[in-house]
Amino acid sequence: MGGLELHTVYLFTLIIAGCITIIYLLFSEMFDGVFEGIPFIDPAVILSFITITSAAGFLFEKYSSMTSLIIFIISSILSAIVSAIIYFFILVPLKSAEVSLAYTEESLGGQVGKVIVPIPVDGFGEIVIETVNGIISKRATGLDNEAIDYDEEVLVIEAKEGTVYVKKYESSFQFK
């Protein structure tokens, strides 16, 4: 190949694919929408395939006495197996996991919170709601314009325009 030894070609391919992989990692959000409709054409998988093939090819060329065709076939098979493992056990679960720290006002309905600033009649106070994402502090008013004291448990009935409408929470379970 143009006077180059084959292990040198594998090494240059490894270096170039590694550099492109680093660039892809930095700018992957911009490219994700382009390949979204085609499941097996994922740049991360293609780049890992090329990188693993060239790394295995380089090592086999350098340290074994097999023919170049056999080395390329073995490297490609090894790379296909590792790339499939990366795709099915890392990339697919990561893409399907939608974890967000955001919440919507609609999701607050039915939550139980605690009053941290007393709610006066026809006025506003403040409550905190403990969720799996952390503690949310919201402006609150009584649903029927009733006063609610500090440290009372309240049930969020609805939330709109940044304010939650609450009622005193009466638990049906009493522990003695």
N, C-alpha and C. Protein backbone atom coordinates (compact mmCIF):
# COMPACT_ATOMS: atom_id res chain seq x y z
N MET A 1 0.84 -1.19 0.00
CA MET A 1 0.00 0.00 0.00
C MET A 1 0.87 1.24 0.00
N GLY A 2 1.27 1.69 -1.11
CA GLY A 2 2.04 2.92 -1.23
C GLY A 2 3.36 2.88 -0.49
N GLY A 3 3.98 1.70 -0.36
CA GLY A 3 5.27 1.57 0.31
C GLY A 3 5.18 1.49 1.82
N LEU A 4 3.99 1.47 2.38
CA LEU A 4 3.83 1.37 3.83
C LEU A 4 3.61 -0.09 4.22
N GLU A 5 4.14 -0.45 5.37
CA GLU A 5 3.85 -1.77 5.89
C GLU A 5 2.42 -1.78 6.41
N LEU A 6 1.80 -2.96 6.40
CA LEU A 6 0.40 -3.05 6.76
C LEU A 6 0.14 -2.68 8.22
N HIS A 7 1.06 -3.00 9.13
CA HIS A 7 0.84 -2.62 10.52
C HIS A 7 0.87 -1.10 10.69
N THR A 8 1.58 -0.40 9.83
CA THR A 8 1.59 1.07 9.87
C THR A 8 0.24 1.62 9.41
N VAL A 9 -0.37 1.00 8.41
CA VAL A 9 -1.70 1.41 7.95
C VAL A 9 -2.72 1.22 9.08
N TYR A 10 -2.63 0.07 9.75
CA TYR A 10 -3.53 -0.16 10.89
C TYR A 10 -3.31 0.89 11.98
N LEU A 11 -2.05 1.24 12.25
CA LEU A 11 -1.74 2.23 13.29
C LEU A 11 -2.29 3.60 12.91
N PHE A 12 -2.10 4.04 11.68
CA PHE A 12 -2.64 5.33 11.24
C PHE A 12 -4.17 5.34 11.30
N THR A 13 -4.79 4.23 10.90
CA THR A 13 -6.25 4.14 10.97
C THR A 13 -6.72 4.22 12.42
N LEU A 14 -5.99 3.56 13.33
CA LEU A 14 -6.31 3.62 14.75
C LEU A 14 -6.21 5.05 15.28
N ILE A 15 -5.17 5.75 14.92
CA ILE A 15 -4.99 7.13 15.39
C ILE A 15 -6.08 8.04 14.84
N ILE A 16 -6.37 7.93 13.56
CA ILE A 16 -7.39 8.78 12.94
C ILE A 16 -8.77 8.47 13.51
N ALA A 17 -9.11 7.17 13.64
CA ALA A 17 -10.42 6.80 14.21
C ALA A 17 -10.52 7.25 15.66
N GLY A 18 -9.43 7.16 16.40
CA GLY A 18 -9.43 7.63 17.79
C GLY A 18 -9.68 9.13 17.88
N CYS A 19 -9.03 9.90 17.01
CA CYS A 19 -9.25 11.36 17.00
C CYS A 19 -10.68 11.71 16.61
N ILE A 20 -11.22 11.02 15.60
CA ILE A 20 -12.61 11.27 15.20
C ILE A 20 -13.57 10.89 16.33
N THR A 21 -13.26 9.81 17.07
CA THR A 21 -14.09 9.41 18.20
C THR A 21 -14.11 10.48 19.27
N ILE A 22 -12.97 11.06 19.57
CA ILE A 22 -12.91 12.14 20.56
C ILE A 22 -13.71 13.35 20.09
N ILE A 23 -13.59 13.71 18.83
CA ILE A 23 -14.36 14.82 18.28
C ILE A 23 -15.85 14.50 18.34
N TYR A 24 -16.22 13.25 18.02
CA TYR A 24 -17.63 12.85 18.08
C TYR A 24 -18.16 12.94 19.51
N LEU A 25 -17.36 12.52 20.48
CA LEU A 25 -17.80 12.62 21.88
C LEU A 25 -18.09 14.06 22.28
N LEU A 26 -17.30 14.99 21.78
CA LEU A 26 -17.50 16.39 22.12
C LEU A 26 -18.73 17.00 21.45
N PHE A 27 -19.02 16.55 20.22
CA PHE A 27 -20.10 17.16 19.45
C PHE A 27 -21.22 16.18 19.12
N SER A 28 -21.39 15.12 19.91
CA SER A 28 -22.35 14.07 19.57
C SER A 28 -23.80 14.54 19.59
N GLU A 29 -24.11 15.52 20.42
CA GLU A 29 -25.49 16.00 20.49
C GLU A 29 -25.95 16.57 19.15
N MET A 30 -25.04 17.17 18.40
CA MET A 30 -25.41 17.74 17.10
C MET A 30 -25.66 16.65 16.06
N PHE A 31 -24.97 15.52 16.17
CA PHE A 31 -25.08 14.46 15.17
C PHE A 31 -26.16 13.44 15.48
N ASP A 32 -26.67 13.40 16.71
CA ASP A 32 -27.62 12.37 17.10
C ASP A 32 -28.91 12.41 16.30
N GLY A 33 -29.40 13.58 15.95
CA GLY A 33 -30.64 13.69 15.20
C GLY A 33 -30.52 13.19 13.78
N VAL A 34 -29.33 13.26 13.20
CA VAL A 34 -29.13 12.86 11.81
C VAL A 34 -29.31 11.36 11.65
N PHE A 35 -28.82 10.58 12.61
CA PHE A 35 -28.84 9.12 12.49
C PHE A 35 -29.93 8.47 13.32
N GLU A 36 -30.89 9.24 13.81
CA GLU A 36 -31.88 8.72 14.74
C GLU A 36 -32.82 7.68 14.13
N GLY A 37 -33.17 7.81 12.87
CA GLY A 37 -34.12 6.90 12.26
C GLY A 37 -33.54 5.56 11.87
N ILE A 38 -32.23 5.45 11.81
CA ILE A 38 -31.57 4.21 11.38
C ILE A 38 -30.92 3.58 12.61
N PRO A 39 -31.46 2.46 13.12
CA PRO A 39 -31.00 1.95 14.41
C PRO A 39 -29.55 1.47 14.44
N PHE A 40 -29.08 0.76 13.40
CA PHE A 40 -27.74 0.20 13.47
C PHE A 40 -26.67 1.14 12.92
N ILE A 41 -27.07 2.27 12.38
CA ILE A 41 -26.07 3.22 11.92
C ILE A 41 -25.91 4.27 13.00
N ASP A 42 -25.10 3.93 13.96
CA ASP A 42 -24.80 4.82 15.07
C ASP A 42 -23.31 5.16 14.97
N PRO A 43 -22.97 6.44 14.87
CA PRO A 43 -21.56 6.80 14.72
C PRO A 43 -20.67 6.23 15.81
N ALA A 44 -21.17 6.12 17.03
CA ALA A 44 -20.37 5.56 18.12
C ALA A 44 -20.03 4.10 17.85
N VAL A 45 -20.98 3.35 17.30
CA VAL A 45 -20.74 1.93 17.00
C VAL A 45 -19.80 1.79 15.81
N ILE A 46 -20.00 2.60 14.79
CA ILE A 46 -19.14 2.52 13.61
C ILE A 46 -17.71 2.90 13.97
N LEU A 47 -17.55 3.97 14.74
CA LEU A 47 -16.21 4.38 15.15
C LEU A 47 -15.55 3.34 16.06
N SER A 48 -16.33 2.72 16.94
CA SER A 48 -15.74 1.68 17.79
C SER A 48 -15.35 0.46 16.95
N PHE A 49 -16.14 0.13 15.95
CA PHE A 49 -15.80 -0.99 15.06
C PHE A 49 -14.48 -0.72 14.34
N ILE A 50 -14.34 0.47 13.78
CA ILE A 50 -13.11 0.81 13.05
C ILE A 50 -11.91 0.84 14.00
N THR A 51 -12.10 1.42 15.17
CA THR A 51 -11.00 1.52 16.15
C THR A 51 -10.56 0.14 16.61
N ILE A 52 -11.50 -0.73 16.96
CA ILE A 52 -11.15 -2.07 17.45
C ILE A 52 -10.54 -2.91 16.33
N THR A 53 -11.07 -2.79 15.12
CA THR A 53 -10.51 -3.54 13.99
C THR A 53 -9.07 -3.11 13.74
N SER A 54 -8.83 -1.82 13.74
CA SER A 54 -7.47 -1.36 13.46
C SER A 54 -6.52 -1.69 14.61
N ALA A 55 -6.98 -1.63 15.84
CA ALA A 55 -6.12 -1.98 16.98
C ALA A 55 -5.77 -3.47 16.96
N ALA A 56 -6.79 -4.32 16.74
CA ALA A 56 -6.53 -5.76 16.68
C ALA A 56 -5.65 -6.10 15.47
N GLY A 57 -5.93 -5.47 14.34
CA GLY A 57 -5.12 -5.70 13.15
C GLY A 57 -3.67 -5.30 13.35
N PHE A 58 -3.45 -4.16 13.99
CA PHE A 58 -2.09 -3.71 14.28
C PHE A 58 -1.36 -4.72 15.16
N LEU A 59 -2.02 -5.15 16.24
CA LEU A 59 -1.37 -6.09 17.16
C LEU A 59 -1.09 -7.43 16.50
N PHE A 60 -2.07 -7.96 15.73
CA PHE A 60 -1.85 -9.23 15.05
C PHE A 60 -0.75 -9.13 13.99
N GLU A 61 -0.72 -8.03 13.22
CA GLU A 61 0.32 -7.85 12.20
C GLU A 61 1.70 -7.76 12.84
N LYS A 62 1.75 -7.07 13.96
CA LYS A 62 3.04 -6.83 14.63
C LYS A 62 3.56 -8.09 15.32
N TYR A 63 2.67 -8.87 15.96
CA TYR A 63 3.13 -9.95 16.83
C TYR A 63 2.72 -11.35 16.40
N SER A 64 2.16 -11.53 15.22
CA SER A 64 1.82 -12.89 14.78
C SER A 64 2.35 -13.11 13.37
N SER A 65 2.32 -14.37 12.95
CA SER A 65 2.82 -14.71 11.63
C SER A 65 1.70 -15.11 10.68
N MET A 66 0.45 -14.75 11.00
CA MET A 66 -0.68 -15.08 10.13
C MET A 66 -0.66 -14.18 8.89
N THR A 67 -1.40 -14.62 7.87
CA THR A 67 -1.48 -13.81 6.65
C THR A 67 -2.36 -12.58 6.91
N SER A 68 -2.17 -11.58 6.10
CA SER A 68 -2.89 -10.32 6.28
C SER A 68 -4.39 -10.48 6.13
N LEU A 69 -4.84 -11.34 5.21
CA LEU A 69 -6.27 -11.57 5.02
C LEU A 69 -6.89 -12.22 6.25
N ILE A 70 -6.22 -13.23 6.81
CA ILE A 70 -6.72 -13.90 8.02
C ILE A 70 -6.75 -12.90 9.18
N ILE A 71 -5.72 -12.08 9.28
CA ILE A 71 -5.67 -11.08 10.35
C ILE A 71 -6.84 -10.10 10.22
N PHE A 72 -7.12 -9.66 9.00
CA PHE A 72 -8.23 -8.72 8.80
C PHE A 72 -9.57 -9.38 9.14
N ILE A 73 -9.77 -10.63 8.77
CA ILE A 73 -11.02 -11.34 9.05
C ILE A 73 -11.19 -11.53 10.56
N ILE A 74 -10.13 -11.98 11.23
CA ILE A 74 -10.21 -12.18 12.68
C ILE A 74 -10.46 -10.85 13.39
N SER A 75 -9.78 -9.80 12.97
CA SER A 75 -9.96 -8.48 13.58
C SER A 75 -11.38 -7.97 13.38
N SER A 76 -11.92 -8.18 12.19
CA SER A 76 -13.29 -7.73 11.90
C SER A 76 -14.32 -8.49 12.72
N ILE A 77 -14.14 -9.81 12.86
CA ILE A 77 -15.07 -10.61 13.65
C ILE A 77 -15.00 -10.19 15.11
N LEU A 78 -13.80 -10.05 15.64
CA LEU A 78 -13.62 -9.61 17.03
C LEU A 78 -14.25 -8.23 17.25
N SER A 79 -14.04 -7.34 16.30
CA SER A 79 -14.59 -6.00 16.40
C SER A 79 -16.11 -6.00 16.31
N ALA A 80 -16.67 -6.85 15.46
CA ALA A 80 -18.13 -6.94 15.34
C ALA A 80 -18.75 -7.42 16.65
N ILE A 81 -18.12 -8.40 17.30
CA ILE A 81 -18.63 -8.91 18.57
C ILE A 81 -18.58 -7.83 19.64
N VAL A 82 -17.44 -7.17 19.77
CA VAL A 82 -17.29 -6.13 20.80
C VAL A 82 -18.22 -4.95 20.51
N SER A 83 -18.35 -4.55 19.25
CA SER A 83 -19.25 -3.45 18.90
C SER A 83 -20.70 -3.79 19.18
N ALA A 84 -21.09 -5.04 18.91
CA ALA A 84 -22.46 -5.46 19.22
C ALA A 84 -22.72 -5.42 20.72
N ILE A 85 -21.74 -5.85 21.50
CA ILE A 85 -21.88 -5.79 22.96
C ILE A 85 -22.01 -4.35 23.42
N ILE A 86 -21.19 -3.47 22.87
CA ILE A 86 -21.28 -2.04 23.22
C ILE A 86 -22.65 -1.49 22.84
N TYR A 87 -23.14 -1.84 21.65
CA TYR A 87 -24.42 -1.31 21.19
C TYR A 87 -25.58 -1.81 22.05
N PHE A 88 -25.67 -3.13 22.25
CA PHE A 88 -26.84 -3.69 22.92
C PHE A 88 -26.81 -3.54 24.44
N PHE A 89 -25.63 -3.50 25.04
CA PHE A 89 -25.57 -3.47 26.49
C PHE A 89 -25.21 -2.10 27.07
N ILE A 90 -24.77 -1.16 26.23
CA ILE A 90 -24.45 0.17 26.74
C ILE A 90 -25.28 1.25 26.04
N LEU A 91 -25.22 1.32 24.72
CA LEU A 91 -25.86 2.43 24.01
C LEU A 91 -27.38 2.34 24.00
N VAL A 92 -27.96 1.17 23.75
CA VAL A 92 -29.42 1.04 23.73
C VAL A 92 -30.02 1.36 25.11
N PRO A 93 -29.49 0.80 26.21
CA PRO A 93 -30.05 1.18 27.51
C PRO A 93 -29.88 2.67 27.84
N LEU A 94 -28.77 3.26 27.43
CA LEU A 94 -28.58 4.68 27.69
C LEU A 94 -29.57 5.54 26.92
N LYS A 95 -29.86 5.15 25.69
CA LYS A 95 -30.81 5.94 24.89
C LYS A 95 -32.24 5.79 25.37
N SER A 96 -32.57 4.63 25.94
CA SER A 96 -33.94 4.43 26.40
C SER A 96 -34.17 4.97 27.80
N ALA A 97 -33.12 5.26 28.51
CA ALA A 97 -33.26 5.81 29.87
C ALA A 97 -33.49 7.31 29.77
N GLU A 98 -34.67 7.73 30.18
CA GLU A 98 -34.99 9.15 30.16
C GLU A 98 -35.10 9.65 31.58
N VAL A 99 -34.00 10.05 32.13
CA VAL A 99 -33.98 10.55 33.49
C VAL A 99 -33.89 12.07 33.41
N SER A 100 -34.76 12.70 34.11
CA SER A 100 -34.77 14.15 34.10
C SER A 100 -35.01 14.66 35.51
N LEU A 101 -34.33 15.72 35.84
CA LEU A 101 -34.54 16.34 37.14
C LEU A 101 -35.69 17.35 37.08
N ALA A 102 -36.25 17.54 35.90
CA ALA A 102 -37.33 18.49 35.74
C ALA A 102 -38.65 17.89 36.21
N TYR A 103 -39.56 18.75 36.55
CA TYR A 103 -40.90 18.32 36.92
C TYR A 103 -41.88 19.29 36.29
N THR A 104 -43.11 18.85 36.13
CA THR A 104 -44.14 19.72 35.60
C THR A 104 -45.10 20.07 36.72
N GLU A 105 -45.82 21.15 36.53
CA GLU A 105 -46.80 21.53 37.55
C GLU A 105 -47.87 20.46 37.69
N GLU A 106 -48.23 19.81 36.59
CA GLU A 106 -49.25 18.76 36.64
C GLU A 106 -48.79 17.59 37.50
N SER A 107 -47.48 17.32 37.52
CA SER A 107 -46.97 16.17 38.28
C SER A 107 -47.00 16.42 39.79
N LEU A 108 -47.21 17.67 40.21
CA LEU A 108 -47.25 17.97 41.64
C LEU A 108 -48.59 17.60 42.28
N GLY A 109 -49.63 17.51 41.49
CA GLY A 109 -50.94 17.17 42.02
C GLY A 109 -50.92 15.81 42.69
N GLY A 110 -51.48 15.74 43.90
CA GLY A 110 -51.52 14.50 44.65
C GLY A 110 -50.31 14.29 45.55
N GLN A 111 -49.32 15.15 45.46
CA GLN A 111 -48.13 15.04 46.31
C GLN A 111 -48.43 15.57 47.71
N VAL A 112 -47.73 15.04 48.68
CA VAL A 112 -47.87 15.52 50.06
C VAL A 112 -46.65 16.37 50.38
N GLY A 113 -46.91 17.54 50.96
CA GLY A 113 -45.82 18.44 51.32
C GLY A 113 -45.96 18.91 52.75
N LYS A 114 -45.01 19.72 53.17
CA LYS A 114 -45.00 20.26 54.52
C LYS A 114 -44.90 21.78 54.44
N VAL A 115 -45.69 22.46 55.27
CA VAL A 115 -45.71 23.92 55.26
C VAL A 115 -44.46 24.44 55.97
N ILE A 116 -43.70 25.32 55.30
CA ILE A 116 -42.52 25.91 55.93
C ILE A 116 -42.71 27.40 56.19
N VAL A 117 -43.65 28.02 55.50
CA VAL A 117 -44.07 29.39 55.79
C VAL A 117 -45.59 29.32 55.93
N PRO A 118 -46.13 29.68 57.11
CA PRO A 118 -47.58 29.53 57.34
C PRO A 118 -48.40 30.20 56.25
N ILE A 119 -49.51 29.54 55.91
CA ILE A 119 -50.39 30.05 54.86
C ILE A 119 -51.53 30.79 55.56
N PRO A 120 -51.64 32.13 55.37
CA PRO A 120 -52.73 32.87 56.01
C PRO A 120 -54.03 32.76 55.21
N VAL A 121 -55.13 33.18 55.80
CA VAL A 121 -56.41 33.22 55.10
C VAL A 121 -56.26 34.19 53.93
N ASP A 122 -56.71 33.79 52.76
CA ASP A 122 -56.63 34.60 51.53
C ASP A 122 -55.21 35.08 51.25
N GLY A 123 -54.22 34.27 51.58
CA GLY A 123 -52.83 34.68 51.34
C GLY A 123 -51.98 33.52 50.87
N PHE A 124 -50.68 33.79 50.84
CA PHE A 124 -49.73 32.80 50.33
C PHE A 124 -48.72 32.44 51.41
N GLY A 125 -48.30 31.20 51.39
CA GLY A 125 -47.22 30.71 52.22
C GLY A 125 -46.30 29.89 51.35
N GLU A 126 -45.56 29.00 51.98
CA GLU A 126 -44.64 28.19 51.20
C GLU A 126 -44.62 26.77 51.75
N ILE A 127 -44.52 25.80 50.80
CA ILE A 127 -44.43 24.40 51.20
C ILE A 127 -43.20 23.78 50.56
N VAL A 128 -42.77 22.65 51.11
CA VAL A 128 -41.73 21.85 50.47
C VAL A 128 -42.30 20.47 50.19
N ILE A 129 -41.92 19.93 49.04
CA ILE A 129 -42.35 18.60 48.62
C ILE A 129 -41.09 17.78 48.37
N GLU A 130 -40.99 16.63 49.04
CA GLU A 130 -39.85 15.75 48.83
C GLU A 130 -40.17 14.79 47.69
N THR A 131 -39.31 14.77 46.68
CA THR A 131 -39.46 13.87 45.54
C THR A 131 -38.18 13.07 45.39
N VAL A 132 -38.18 12.14 44.45
CA VAL A 132 -36.98 11.35 44.20
C VAL A 132 -35.86 12.22 43.63
N ASN A 133 -36.21 13.36 43.04
CA ASN A 133 -35.22 14.25 42.46
C ASN A 133 -34.70 15.28 43.44
N GLY A 134 -35.28 15.34 44.63
CA GLY A 134 -34.84 16.32 45.62
C GLY A 134 -36.04 16.98 46.26
N ILE A 135 -35.79 18.12 46.86
CA ILE A 135 -36.83 18.86 47.56
C ILE A 135 -37.25 20.05 46.70
N ILE A 136 -38.56 20.18 46.51
CA ILE A 136 -39.12 21.28 45.71
C ILE A 136 -39.81 22.24 46.67
N SER A 137 -39.50 23.49 46.54
CA SER A 137 -40.15 24.52 47.35
C SER A 137 -41.10 25.31 46.45
N LYS A 138 -42.36 25.44 46.88
CA LYS A 138 -43.36 26.13 46.04
C LYS A 138 -44.19 27.10 46.88
N ARG A 139 -44.62 28.17 46.22
CA ARG A 139 -45.58 29.09 46.83
C ARG A 139 -46.91 28.36 46.91
N ALA A 140 -47.61 28.53 48.05
CA ALA A 140 -48.85 27.78 48.26
C ALA A 140 -49.93 28.67 48.84
N THR A 141 -51.16 28.29 48.54
CA THR A 141 -52.33 28.94 49.13
C THR A 141 -53.36 27.85 49.43
N GLY A 142 -54.20 28.11 50.41
CA GLY A 142 -55.23 27.14 50.76
C GLY A 142 -56.27 27.05 49.65
N LEU A 143 -56.73 25.85 49.35
CA LEU A 143 -57.70 25.66 48.27
C LEU A 143 -58.99 26.41 48.57
N ASP A 144 -59.45 26.36 49.81
CA ASP A 144 -60.67 27.06 50.21
C ASP A 144 -60.35 28.32 51.00
N ASN A 145 -59.17 28.91 50.73
CA ASN A 145 -58.68 30.13 51.39
C ASN A 145 -58.60 29.97 52.91
N GLU A 146 -58.31 28.76 53.39
CA GLU A 146 -58.18 28.54 54.82
C GLU A 146 -56.72 28.76 55.26
N ALA A 147 -56.54 29.06 56.53
CA ALA A 147 -55.21 29.23 57.09
C ALA A 147 -54.64 27.85 57.43
N ILE A 148 -53.34 27.68 57.17
CA ILE A 148 -52.67 26.42 57.49
C ILE A 148 -51.38 26.78 58.23
N ASP A 149 -51.17 26.16 59.39
CA ASP A 149 -50.04 26.50 60.26
C ASP A 149 -48.74 25.88 59.76
N TYR A 150 -47.67 26.40 60.38
CA TYR A 150 -46.32 25.90 60.11
C TYR A 150 -46.23 24.41 60.48
N ASP A 151 -45.48 23.65 59.71
CA ASP A 151 -45.17 22.24 59.93
C ASP A 151 -46.37 21.31 59.75
N GLU A 152 -47.46 21.80 59.18
CA GLU A 152 -48.62 20.94 58.88
C GLU A 152 -48.35 20.21 57.56
N GLU A 153 -48.83 18.98 57.47
CA GLU A 153 -48.77 18.26 56.21
C GLU A 153 -49.95 18.68 55.34
N VAL A 154 -49.66 18.89 54.05
CA VAL A 154 -50.71 19.32 53.13
C VAL A 154 -50.69 18.44 51.89
N LEU A 155 -51.85 18.36 51.26
CA LEU A 155 -52.00 17.62 50.01
C LEU A 155 -52.15 18.63 48.88
N VAL A 156 -51.33 18.49 47.85
CA VAL A 156 -51.41 19.39 46.70
C VAL A 156 -52.58 18.95 45.84
N ILE A 157 -53.55 19.85 45.68
CA ILE A 157 -54.74 19.55 44.87
C ILE A 157 -54.48 19.88 43.41
N GLU A 158 -53.95 21.06 43.17
CA GLU A 158 -53.59 21.44 41.81
C GLU A 158 -52.49 22.49 41.85
N ALA A 159 -51.85 22.68 40.71
CA ALA A 159 -50.79 23.66 40.59
C ALA A 159 -51.00 24.43 39.30
N LYS A 160 -50.95 25.74 39.40
CA LYS A 160 -51.03 26.55 38.18
C LYS A 160 -50.36 27.89 38.42
N GLU A 161 -49.69 28.36 37.39
CA GLU A 161 -48.99 29.63 37.39
C GLU A 161 -48.04 29.78 38.57
N GLY A 162 -47.34 28.70 38.91
CA GLY A 162 -46.33 28.75 39.96
C GLY A 162 -46.84 28.64 41.37
N THR A 163 -48.14 28.52 41.54
CA THR A 163 -48.73 28.41 42.88
C THR A 163 -49.41 27.05 43.00
N VAL A 164 -49.23 26.41 44.17
CA VAL A 164 -49.92 25.16 44.42
C VAL A 164 -51.08 25.44 45.36
N TYR A 165 -52.21 24.79 45.10
CA TYR A 165 -53.40 24.92 45.93
C TYR A 165 -53.48 23.66 46.79
N VAL A 166 -53.50 23.87 48.11
CA VAL A 166 -53.36 22.75 49.03
C VAL A 166 -54.51 22.68 50.03
N LYS A 167 -54.67 21.49 50.61
CA LYS A 167 -55.59 21.26 51.72
C LYS A 167 -54.79 20.56 52.81
N LYS A 168 -55.26 20.68 54.06
CA LYS A 168 -54.62 19.94 55.14
C LYS A 168 -54.72 18.46 54.84
N TYR A 169 -53.64 17.75 55.10
CA TYR A 169 -53.59 16.32 54.80
C TYR A 169 -53.96 15.54 56.04
N GLU A 170 -54.98 14.71 55.92
CA GLU A 170 -55.37 13.83 57.01
C GLU A 170 -55.08 12.40 56.56
N SER A 171 -54.08 11.82 57.14
CA SER A 171 -53.71 10.46 56.81
C SER A 171 -54.74 9.50 57.39
N SER A 172 -55.11 8.49 56.62
CA SER A 172 -56.09 7.52 57.10
C SER A 172 -55.42 6.47 57.99
N PHE A 173 -54.08 6.44 58.01
CA PHE A 173 -53.36 5.49 58.84
C PHE A 173 -52.83 6.20 60.07
N GLN A 174 -53.14 5.70 61.22
CA GLN A 174 -52.65 6.27 62.47
C GLN A 174 -51.79 5.21 63.17
N PHE A 175 -50.56 5.58 63.49
CA PHE A 175 -49.66 4.67 64.20
C PHE A 175 -49.66 5.04 65.68
N LYS A 176 -49.72 4.05 66.54
CA LYS A 176 -49.70 4.31 67.98
C LYS A 176 -48.48 3.74 68.61
